[in-house]
Amino acid sequence: MRSGNGKSDLDMETGELDVDHELPAAADEPQEEPRAQTAPAESAPLQGEIAKLKEERNALLERVARLQAEFENARKRAAREQQEFKDFALADAIKNLLPILDSFDRALATPQEKHADFRAGVELINKQLHDAMAKLGLRPVPAKDEPFDPRLHEAIEMVDTHAARDNHVLEELQRGYKLKERLLRPAMVRVARNPKK
């Protein structure tokens, strides 16, 4: 049985409480606050964390940009120093060749009636040039009568002959050179072939 106010009553016959229907909340009872109203209070710490992360990101981006600029400057400085070293080495090499140019100039300025000594002058210039190159570390590759070495020699022709031992250099057609331990140019050679029967 229900009373007129809509609230549950005790059923007189059974003694049970009738609770089949929910009663509407009274107007004067406090209602639960909606979650949307509490969101700004909860997001304040998140906003602070986001701002902190943005600051860290900006600091890292600035650091990366600074490191990139430093790297680019170091690369340019290394390239400039390398070019300066090359220029210095080239200047030093050319300085060693200047006396040879002077000797050529003097030989060509010699009057025609004195050409009898021309060969001696050319031989002197040749010696000066080889001496200057030796100072720079240039060495000729040994070839004639040496065993053929494909690392140092370039065989142009195999010649059947008994004038040299088998697989030895018979004739040097163009001299090879090494700069210190580096091969600049192999010697062009003819190689003897006389296999023993």
C-alpha atoms as a PDB file:
ATOM      1  CA  MET A   1       0.000   0.000   0.000  1.00  0.00           C
ATOM      2  CA  ARG A   2       1.281   3.453  -0.863  1.00  0.00           C
ATOM      3  CA  SER A   3       0.545   6.654   0.871  1.00  0.00           C
ATOM      4  CA  GLY A   4      -0.627   9.630  -1.053  1.00  0.00           C
ATOM      5  CA  ASN A   5       2.804  11.289  -0.915  1.00  0.00           C
ATOM      6  CA  GLY A   6       4.299   8.624  -3.220  1.00  0.00           C
ATOM      7  CA  LYS A   7       6.530   7.058  -0.565  1.00  0.00           C
ATOM      8  CA  SER A   8       6.590   3.322   0.120  1.00  0.00           C
ATOM      9  CA  ASP A   9       4.369   2.029   2.890  1.00  0.00           C
ATOM     10  CA  LEU A  10       4.154  -1.153   4.838  1.00  0.00           C
ATOM     11  CA  ASP A  11       1.556  -3.498   3.391  1.00  0.00           C
ATOM     12  CA  MET A  12      -0.825  -4.183   6.223  1.00  0.00           C
ATOM     13  CA  GLU A  13      -1.838  -7.606   5.058  1.00  0.00           C
ATOM     14  CA  THR A  14       1.602  -9.094   4.345  1.00  0.00           C
ATOM     15  CA  GLY A  15       3.748  -6.969   6.524  1.00  0.00           C
ATOM     16  CA  GLU A  16       6.173  -6.335   3.636  1.00  0.00           C
ATOM     17  CA  LEU A  17       7.574  -3.020   2.628  1.00  0.00           C
ATOM     18  CA  ASP A  18       6.599  -2.010  -0.926  1.00  0.00           C
ATOM     19  CA  VAL A  19       9.813  -0.775  -2.647  1.00  0.00           C
ATOM     20  CA  ASP A  20       8.963  -1.505  -6.294  1.00  0.00           C
ATOM     21  CA  HIS A  21       9.390   2.040  -7.470  1.00  0.00           C
ATOM     22  CA  GLU A  22      12.218   4.499  -6.904  1.00  0.00           C
ATOM     23  CA  LEU A  23      11.112   7.638  -5.311  1.00  0.00           C
ATOM     24  CA  PRO A  24      12.113  10.898  -6.898  1.00  0.00           C
ATOM     25  CA  ALA A  25      14.727  12.828  -4.978  1.00  0.00           C
ATOM     26  CA  ALA A  26      13.432  15.583  -2.836  1.00  0.00           C
ATOM     27  CA  ALA A  27      14.024  19.052  -4.125  1.00  0.00           C
ATOM     28  CA  ASP A  28      15.873  20.066  -1.013  1.00  0.00           C
ATOM     29  CA  GLU A  29      18.339  17.121  -1.161  1.00  0.00           C
ATOM     30  CA  PRO A  30      21.799  18.018  -2.509  1.00  0.00           C
ATOM     31  CA  GLN A  31      22.441  16.549  -5.961  1.00  0.00           C
ATOM     32  CA  GLU A  32      25.812  15.144  -7.175  1.00  0.00           C
ATOM     33  CA  GLU A  33      27.940  17.740  -8.943  1.00  0.00           C
ATOM     34  CA  PRO A  34      28.515  17.002 -12.659  1.00  0.00           C
ATOM     35  CA  ARG A  35      32.088  15.761 -13.511  1.00  0.00           C
ATOM     36  CA  ALA A  36      32.537  18.491 -16.098  1.00  0.00           C
ATOM     37  CA  GLN A  37      32.596  21.093 -13.347  1.00  0.00           C
ATOM     38  CA  THR A  38      35.533  19.402 -11.582  1.00  0.00           C
ATOM     39  CA  ALA A  39      37.616  18.915 -14.790  1.00  0.00           C
ATOM     40  CA  PRO A  40      39.406  22.306 -14.663  1.00  0.00           C
ATOM     41  CA  ALA A  41      40.609  21.601 -11.149  1.00  0.00           C
ATOM     42  CA  GLU A  42      41.942  18.187 -12.193  1.00  0.00           C
ATOM     43  CA  SER A  43      43.606  19.477 -15.415  1.00  0.00           C
ATOM     44  CA  ALA A  44      45.643  22.190 -13.689  1.00  0.00           C
ATOM     45  CA  PRO A  45      48.472  19.772 -12.814  1.00  0.00           C
ATOM     46  CA  LEU A  46      48.325  18.373 -16.372  1.00  0.00           C
ATOM     47  CA  GLN A  47      48.605  21.846 -17.844  1.00  0.00           C
ATOM     48  CA  GLY A  48      51.635  22.487 -15.663  1.00  0.00           C
ATOM     49  CA  GLU A  49      53.235  19.199 -16.813  1.00  0.00           C
ATOM     50  CA  ILE A  50      52.543  20.036 -20.468  1.00  0.00           C
ATOM     51  CA  ALA A  51      54.105  23.471 -20.061  1.00  0.00           C
ATOM     52  CA  LYS A  52      57.178  21.888 -18.434  1.00  0.00           C
ATOM     53  CA  LEU A  53      57.515  19.361 -21.272  1.00  0.00           C
ATOM     54  CA  LYS A  54      57.223  22.152 -23.858  1.00  0.00           C
ATOM     55  CA  GLU A  55      60.011  24.060 -22.122  1.00  0.00           C
ATOM     56  CA  GLU A  56      62.213  20.956 -22.135  1.00  0.00           C
ATOM     57  CA  ARG A  57      61.427  20.351 -25.816  1.00  0.00           C
ATOM     58  CA  ASN A  58      62.272  23.925 -26.736  1.00  0.00           C
ATOM     59  CA  ALA A  59      65.537  23.717 -24.783  1.00  0.00           C
ATOM     60  CA  LEU A  60      66.471  20.467 -26.573  1.00  0.00           C
ATOM     61  CA  LEU A  61      65.614  21.932 -29.990  1.00  0.00           C
ATOM     62  CA  GLU A  62      67.744  24.962 -29.219  1.00  0.00           C
ATOM     63  CA  ARG A  63      70.609  22.709 -28.123  1.00  0.00           C
ATOM     64  CA  VAL A  64      70.332  20.603 -31.309  1.00  0.00           C
ATOM     65  CA  ALA A  65      70.355  23.737 -33.456  1.00  0.00           C
ATOM     66  CA  ARG A  66      73.430  25.006 -31.603  1.00  0.00           C
ATOM     67  CA  LEU A  67      75.214  21.650 -32.022  1.00  0.00           C
ATOM     68  CA  GLN A  68      74.364  21.611 -35.739  1.00  0.00           C
ATOM     69  CA  ALA A  69      75.834  25.086 -36.131  1.00  0.00           C
ATOM     70  CA  GLU A  70      78.978  24.068 -34.227  1.00  0.00           C
ATOM     71  CA  PHE A  71      79.337  20.921 -36.368  1.00  0.00           C
ATOM     72  CA  GLU A  72      78.964  22.923 -39.583  1.00  0.00           C
ATOM     73  CA  ASN A  73      81.559  25.430 -38.389  1.00  0.00           C
ATOM     74  CA  ALA A  74      83.960  22.608 -37.455  1.00  0.00           C
ATOM     75  CA  ARG A  75      83.461  20.989 -40.871  1.00  0.00           C
ATOM     76  CA  LYS A  76      84.193  24.254 -42.673  1.00  0.00           C
ATOM     77  CA  ARG A  77      87.224  24.889 -40.458  1.00  0.00           C
ATOM     78  CA  ALA A  78      88.610  21.380 -41.164  1.00  0.00           C
ATOM     79  CA  ALA A  79      88.092  21.833 -44.925  1.00  0.00           C
ATOM     80  CA  ARG A  80      89.825  25.226 -44.789  1.00  0.00           C
ATOM     81  CA  GLU A  81      92.764  23.827 -42.801  1.00  0.00           C
ATOM     82  CA  GLN A  82      93.077  20.894 -45.204  1.00  0.00           C
ATOM     83  CA  GLN A  83      93.153  23.255 -48.183  1.00  0.00           C
ATOM     84  CA  GLU A  84      95.739  25.445 -46.449  1.00  0.00           C
ATOM     85  CA  PHE A  85      97.893  22.365 -45.800  1.00  0.00           C
ATOM     86  CA  LYS A  86      97.621  21.340 -49.479  1.00  0.00           C
ATOM     87  CA  ASP A  87      98.543  24.848 -50.590  1.00  0.00           C
ATOM     88  CA  PHE A  88     101.519  24.881 -48.226  1.00  0.00           C
ATOM     89  CA  ALA A  89     102.718  21.462 -49.452  1.00  0.00           C
ATOM     90  CA  LEU A  90     102.295  22.551 -53.083  1.00  0.00           C
ATOM     91  CA  ALA A  91     104.199  25.775 -52.452  1.00  0.00           C
ATOM     92  CA  ASP A  92     107.022  23.803 -50.839  1.00  0.00           C
ATOM     93  CA  ALA A  93     107.157  21.391 -53.807  1.00  0.00           C
ATOM     94  CA  ILE A  94     107.175  24.210 -56.369  1.00  0.00           C
ATOM     95  CA  LYS A  95     109.894  26.013 -54.432  1.00  0.00           C
ATOM     96  CA  ASN A  96     112.120  22.933 -54.932  1.00  0.00           C
ATOM     97  CA  LEU A  97     111.463  23.058 -58.693  1.00  0.00           C
ATOM     98  CA  LEU A  98     112.306  26.746 -59.171  1.00  0.00           C
ATOM     99  CA  PRO A  99     116.089  26.200 -59.549  1.00  0.00           C
ATOM    100  CA  ILE A 100     115.340  23.758 -62.391  1.00  0.00           C
ATOM    101  CA  LEU A 101     113.277  26.409 -64.191  1.00  0.00           C
ATOM    102  CA  ASP A 102     116.187  28.817 -63.711  1.00  0.00           C
ATOM    103  CA  SER A 103     118.555  26.274 -65.271  1.00  0.00           C
ATOM    104  CA  PHE A 104     116.242  25.800 -68.261  1.00  0.00           C
ATOM    105  CA  ASP A 105     116.047  29.576 -68.732  1.00  0.00           C
ATOM    106  CA  ARG A 106     119.843  29.884 -68.650  1.00  0.00           C
ATOM    107  CA  ALA A 107     120.276  26.963 -71.080  1.00  0.00           C
ATOM    108  CA  LEU A 108     117.824  28.479 -73.561  1.00  0.00           C
ATOM    109  CA  ALA A 109     119.505  31.901 -73.232  1.00  0.00           C
ATOM    110  CA  THR A 110     122.891  30.432 -74.268  1.00  0.00           C
ATOM    111  CA  PRO A 111     124.144  31.829 -77.620  1.00  0.00           C
ATOM    112  CA  GLN A 112     123.954  29.355 -80.530  1.00  0.00           C
ATOM    113  CA  GLU A 113     127.732  29.176 -80.982  1.00  0.00           C
ATOM    114  CA  LYS A 114     128.045  27.664 -77.512  1.00  0.00           C
ATOM    115  CA  HIS A 115     125.621  24.767 -78.079  1.00  0.00           C
ATOM    116  CA  ALA A 116     128.454  22.285 -77.747  1.00  0.00           C
ATOM    117  CA  ASP A 117     127.832  22.286 -73.980  1.00  0.00           C
ATOM    118  CA  PHE A 118     124.049  21.972 -74.419  1.00  0.00           C
ATOM    119  CA  ARG A 119     123.941  18.249 -73.591  1.00  0.00           C
ATOM    120  CA  ALA A 120     125.989  18.771 -70.425  1.00  0.00           C
ATOM    121  CA  GLY A 121     123.521  21.500 -69.383  1.00  0.00           C
ATOM    122  CA  VAL A 122     120.498  19.241 -69.999  1.00  0.00           C
ATOM    123  CA  GLU A 123     122.137  16.448 -68.003  1.00  0.00           C
ATOM    124  CA  LEU A 124     122.697  18.889 -65.139  1.00  0.00           C
ATOM    125  CA  ILE A 125     119.045  19.978 -65.256  1.00  0.00           C
ATOM    126  CA  ASN A 126     117.935  16.343 -65.289  1.00  0.00           C
ATOM    127  CA  LYS A 127     120.019  15.662 -62.179  1.00  0.00           C
ATOM    128  CA  GLN A 128     118.601  18.744 -60.432  1.00  0.00           C
ATOM    129  CA  LEU A 129     115.067  17.616 -61.192  1.00  0.00           C
ATOM    130  CA  HIS A 130     115.645  14.096 -59.872  1.00  0.00           C
ATOM    131  CA  ASP A 131     117.273  15.471 -56.726  1.00  0.00           C
ATOM    132  CA  ALA A 132     114.335  17.822 -56.111  1.00  0.00           C
ATOM    133  CA  MET A 133     111.851  14.981 -56.580  1.00  0.00           C
ATOM    134  CA  ALA A 134     113.850  12.725 -54.243  1.00  0.00           C
ATOM    135  CA  LYS A 135     113.593  15.404 -51.533  1.00  0.00           C
ATOM    136  CA  LEU A 136     109.804  15.176 -51.890  1.00  0.00           C
ATOM    137  CA  GLY A 137     109.948  11.396 -51.412  1.00  0.00           C
ATOM    138  CA  LEU A 138     109.764  10.330 -55.079  1.00  0.00           C
ATOM    139  CA  ARG A 139     111.660   7.135 -55.933  1.00  0.00           C
ATOM    140  CA  PRO A 140     111.912   5.241 -59.231  1.00  0.00           C
ATOM    141  CA  VAL A 141     110.545   1.702 -59.318  1.00  0.00           C
ATOM    142  CA  PRO A 142     113.361  -0.798 -59.981  1.00  0.00           C
ATOM    143  CA  ALA A 143     112.612  -2.546 -63.280  1.00  0.00           C
ATOM    144  CA  LYS A 144     115.346  -3.729 -65.674  1.00  0.00           C
ATOM    145  CA  ASP A 145     116.616  -7.227 -64.847  1.00  0.00           C
ATOM    146  CA  GLU A 146     114.226  -7.417 -61.879  1.00  0.00           C
ATOM    147  CA  PRO A 147     111.688 -10.252 -61.515  1.00  0.00           C
ATOM    148  CA  PHE A 148     108.352  -9.189 -62.970  1.00  0.00           C
ATOM    149  CA  ASP A 149     106.051  -7.941 -60.172  1.00  0.00           C
ATOM    150  CA  PRO A 150     102.466  -7.111 -61.235  1.00  0.00           C
ATOM    151  CA  ARG A 151     102.172  -4.776 -58.216  1.00  0.00           C
ATOM    152  CA  LEU A 152     104.996  -2.587 -59.583  1.00  0.00           C
ATOM    153  CA  HIS A 153     105.236  -3.396 -63.293  1.00  0.00           C
ATOM    154  CA  GLU A 154     102.828  -3.234 -66.195  1.00  0.00           C
ATOM    155  CA  ALA A 155     103.741  -5.821 -68.861  1.00  0.00           C
ATOM    156  CA  ILE A 156     103.284  -4.490 -72.388  1.00  0.00           C
ATOM    157  CA  GLU A 157     104.766  -7.489 -74.138  1.00  0.00           C
ATOM    158  CA  MET A 158     106.200 -10.952 -73.493  1.00  0.00           C
ATOM    159  CA  VAL A 159     109.370 -11.538 -75.537  1.00  0.00           C
ATOM    160  CA  ASP A 160     110.848 -14.962 -76.298  1.00  0.00           C
ATOM    161  CA  THR A 161     114.546 -14.484 -75.617  1.00  0.00           C
ATOM    162  CA  HIS A 162     117.555 -15.914 -73.820  1.00  0.00           C
ATOM    163  CA  ALA A 163     118.985 -12.444 -73.131  1.00  0.00           C
ATOM    164  CA  ALA A 164     117.271 -12.377 -69.710  1.00  0.00           C
ATOM    165  CA  ARG A 165     116.004 -14.898 -67.232  1.00  0.00           C
ATOM    166  CA  ASP A 166     112.465 -16.198 -67.580  1.00  0.00           C
ATOM    167  CA  ASN A 167     109.789 -13.858 -66.233  1.00  0.00           C
ATOM    168  CA  HIS A 168     112.290 -11.036 -65.642  1.00  0.00           C
ATOM    169  CA  VAL A 169     112.075  -7.490 -67.000  1.00  0.00           C
ATOM    170  CA  LEU A 170     113.890  -7.369 -70.328  1.00  0.00           C
ATOM    171  CA  GLU A 171     113.374  -3.677 -71.069  1.00  0.00           C
ATOM    172  CA  GLU A 172     111.884  -0.653 -69.338  1.00  0.00           C
ATOM    173  CA  LEU A 173     109.734   1.442 -71.707  1.00  0.00           C
ATOM    174  CA  GLN A 174     108.543   4.016 -69.148  1.00  0.00           C
ATOM    175  CA  ARG A 175     109.879   4.467 -65.647  1.00  0.00           C
ATOM    176  CA  GLY A 176     107.549   3.857 -62.732  1.00  0.00           C
ATOM    177  CA  TYR A 177     107.571   5.927 -59.542  1.00  0.00           C
ATOM    178  CA  LYS A 178     106.658   5.554 -55.882  1.00  0.00           C
ATOM    179  CA  LEU A 179     105.969   8.448 -53.547  1.00  0.00           C
ATOM    180  CA  LYS A 180     107.362   7.166 -50.270  1.00  0.00           C
ATOM    181  CA  GLU A 181     105.576   3.784 -50.058  1.00  0.00           C
ATOM    182  CA  ARG A 182     102.686   4.610 -52.402  1.00  0.00           C
ATOM    183  CA  LEU A 183     102.856   3.563 -56.049  1.00  0.00           C
ATOM    184  CA  LEU A 184     102.187   6.581 -58.273  1.00  0.00           C
ATOM    185  CA  ARG A 185     102.753   4.887 -61.605  1.00  0.00           C
ATOM    186  CA  PRO A 186     103.803   1.338 -62.508  1.00  0.00           C
ATOM    187  CA  ALA A 187     106.775   0.819 -64.807  1.00  0.00           C
ATOM    188  CA  MET A 188     105.824  -0.146 -68.374  1.00  0.00           C
ATOM    189  CA  VAL A 189     108.041  -3.093 -69.290  1.00  0.00           C
ATOM    190  CA  ARG A 190     108.750  -5.911 -71.701  1.00  0.00           C
ATOM    191  CA  VAL A 191     109.116  -9.261 -69.956  1.00  0.00           C
ATOM    192  CA  ALA A 192     111.406 -12.091 -71.032  1.00  0.00           C
ATOM    193  CA  ARG A 193     110.001 -15.542 -71.652  1.00  0.00           C
ATOM    194  CA  ASN A 194     112.477 -18.435 -71.997  1.00  0.00           C
ATOM    195  CA  PRO A 195     111.103 -21.519 -70.278  1.00  0.00           C
ATOM    196  CA  LYS A 196     113.694 -24.229 -69.931  1.00  0.00           C
ATOM    197  CA  LYS A 197     112.981 -27.373 -71.950  1.00  0.00           C
END
